[in-house]
Amino acid sequence: MSNDFDFDLSPDQWEALKALRNPVSNGRLAKAYVVESLVKLGLVVVDDGAPAMTPAGRKALVRGSCKLLDLAA
């Protein structure tokens, strides 16, 4: 049995997830509703008002990298 989930994220969600790879300088992302949707999926947590990627978020980002490359091609 596999614990892997294949997330069908919007381009905005992928961009927000990629942006969270590095610490956010002012603790905010441009689109709060996108971060909220990622929180609901368990890919992001908000700690002391600053969004941070969860281990599941990192895994989704790595797994989705190939899909993102396909979209860019």
C-alpha atoms as a PDB file:
ATOM      1  CA  MET A   1       0.000   0.000   0.000  1.00  0.00           C
ATOM      2  CA  SER A   2       1.314   3.444  -0.831  1.00  0.00           C
ATOM      3  CA  ASN A   3       0.981   6.653   1.167  1.00  0.00           C
ATOM      4  CA  ASP A   4       1.743   8.768  -1.894  1.00  0.00           C
ATOM      5  CA  PHE A   5      -0.772  11.342  -3.003  1.00  0.00           C
ATOM      6  CA  ASP A   6      -0.849  12.918  -6.414  1.00  0.00           C
ATOM      7  CA  PHE A   7      -1.940  16.517  -5.941  1.00  0.00           C
ATOM      8  CA  ASP A   8      -3.608  18.312  -8.821  1.00  0.00           C
ATOM      9  CA  LEU A   9      -2.568  21.831  -7.873  1.00  0.00           C
ATOM     10  CA  SER A  10      -3.299  25.010  -9.785  1.00  0.00           C
ATOM     11  CA  PRO A  11      -0.378  27.008 -11.227  1.00  0.00           C
ATOM     12  CA  ASP A  12      -0.827  29.560  -8.401  1.00  0.00           C
ATOM     13  CA  GLN A  13      -0.610  26.793  -5.805  1.00  0.00           C
ATOM     14  CA  TRP A  14       2.573  25.396  -7.402  1.00  0.00           C
ATOM     15  CA  GLU A  15       4.125  28.871  -7.439  1.00  0.00           C
ATOM     16  CA  ALA A  16       3.264  29.433  -3.769  1.00  0.00           C
ATOM     17  CA  LEU A  17       4.664  26.031  -2.833  1.00  0.00           C
ATOM     18  CA  LYS A  18       7.867  26.741  -4.759  1.00  0.00           C
ATOM     19  CA  ALA A  19       8.152  30.148  -3.085  1.00  0.00           C
ATOM     20  CA  LEU A  20       8.054  28.474   0.326  1.00  0.00           C
ATOM     21  CA  ARG A  21      11.284  26.595  -0.389  1.00  0.00           C
ATOM     22  CA  ASN A  22      13.082  29.692   0.872  1.00  0.00           C
ATOM     23  CA  PRO A  23      12.012  31.639   3.958  1.00  0.00           C
ATOM     24  CA  VAL A  24       9.589  34.439   3.184  1.00  0.00           C
ATOM     25  CA  SER A  25      11.263  37.736   4.040  1.00  0.00           C
ATOM     26  CA  ASN A  26       8.200  39.542   5.387  1.00  0.00           C
ATOM     27  CA  GLY A  27       6.294  36.408   6.427  1.00  0.00           C
ATOM     28  CA  ARG A  28       3.602  36.888   3.779  1.00  0.00           C
ATOM     29  CA  LEU A  29       2.914  35.610   0.325  1.00  0.00           C
ATOM     30  CA  ALA A  30       1.092  37.644  -2.283  1.00  0.00           C
ATOM     31  CA  LYS A  31      -2.018  35.446  -2.396  1.00  0.00           C
ATOM     32  CA  ALA A  32      -3.240  34.447   1.058  1.00  0.00           C
ATOM     33  CA  TYR A  33      -6.132  32.389  -0.345  1.00  0.00           C
ATOM     34  CA  VAL A  34      -3.627  30.177  -2.180  1.00  0.00           C
ATOM     35  CA  VAL A  35      -1.729  29.550   1.055  1.00  0.00           C
ATOM     36  CA  GLU A  36      -5.031  28.742   2.785  1.00  0.00           C
ATOM     37  CA  SER A  37      -5.831  26.151   0.118  1.00  0.00           C
ATOM     38  CA  LEU A  38      -2.392  24.564   0.614  1.00  0.00           C
ATOM     39  CA  VAL A  39      -2.978  24.487   4.378  1.00  0.00           C
ATOM     40  CA  LYS A  40      -6.255  22.616   3.808  1.00  0.00           C
ATOM     41  CA  LEU A  41      -4.338  20.046   1.738  1.00  0.00           C
ATOM     42  CA  GLY A  42      -1.759  19.641   4.522  1.00  0.00           C
ATOM     43  CA  LEU A  43       1.090  20.921   2.354  1.00  0.00           C
ATOM     44  CA  VAL A  44       1.678  24.123   4.342  1.00  0.00           C
ATOM     45  CA  VAL A  45       1.331  25.149   7.979  1.00  0.00           C
ATOM     46  CA  VAL A  46       1.160  28.656   9.378  1.00  0.00           C
ATOM     47  CA  ASP A  47       3.515  29.040  12.335  1.00  0.00           C
ATOM     48  CA  ASP A  48       3.559  32.380  14.157  1.00  0.00           C
ATOM     49  CA  GLY A  49       1.821  33.960  11.181  1.00  0.00           C
ATOM     50  CA  ALA A  50       4.418  32.754   8.669  1.00  0.00           C
ATOM     51  CA  PRO A  51       3.656  29.953   6.187  1.00  0.00           C
ATOM     52  CA  ALA A  52       6.037  26.993   6.131  1.00  0.00           C
ATOM     53  CA  MET A  53       6.102  23.898   3.941  1.00  0.00           C
ATOM     54  CA  THR A  54       5.315  20.568   5.614  1.00  0.00           C
ATOM     55  CA  PRO A  55       7.133  17.332   4.798  1.00  0.00           C
ATOM     56  CA  ALA A  56       4.108  16.414   2.656  1.00  0.00           C
ATOM     57  CA  GLY A  57       4.479  19.750   0.850  1.00  0.00           C
ATOM     58  CA  ARG A  58       8.146  19.061   0.111  1.00  0.00           C
ATOM     59  CA  LYS A  59       7.266  15.610  -1.183  1.00  0.00           C
ATOM     60  CA  ALA A  60       4.476  17.007  -3.383  1.00  0.00           C
ATOM     61  CA  LEU A  61       6.857  19.641  -4.757  1.00  0.00           C
ATOM     62  CA  VAL A  62       9.502  17.041  -5.627  1.00  0.00           C
ATOM     63  CA  ARG A  63       6.937  14.647  -7.114  1.00  0.00           C
ATOM     64  CA  GLY A  64       5.338  17.460  -9.059  1.00  0.00           C
ATOM     65  CA  SER A  65       8.620  18.737 -10.470  1.00  0.00           C
ATOM     66  CA  CYS A  66       8.443  16.411 -13.478  1.00  0.00           C
ATOM     67  CA  LYS A  67       4.897  17.548 -14.205  1.00  0.00           C
ATOM     68  CA  LEU A  68       5.980  21.155 -13.950  1.00  0.00           C
ATOM     69  CA  LEU A  69       8.794  20.533 -16.418  1.00  0.00           C
ATOM     70  CA  ASP A  70       6.281  18.973 -18.829  1.00  0.00           C
ATOM     71  CA  LEU A  71       4.112  22.091 -18.586  1.00  0.00           C
ATOM     72  CA  ALA A  72       7.075  24.357 -19.310  1.00  0.00           C
ATOM     73  CA  ALA A  73       8.121  22.414 -22.404  1.00  0.00           C
END
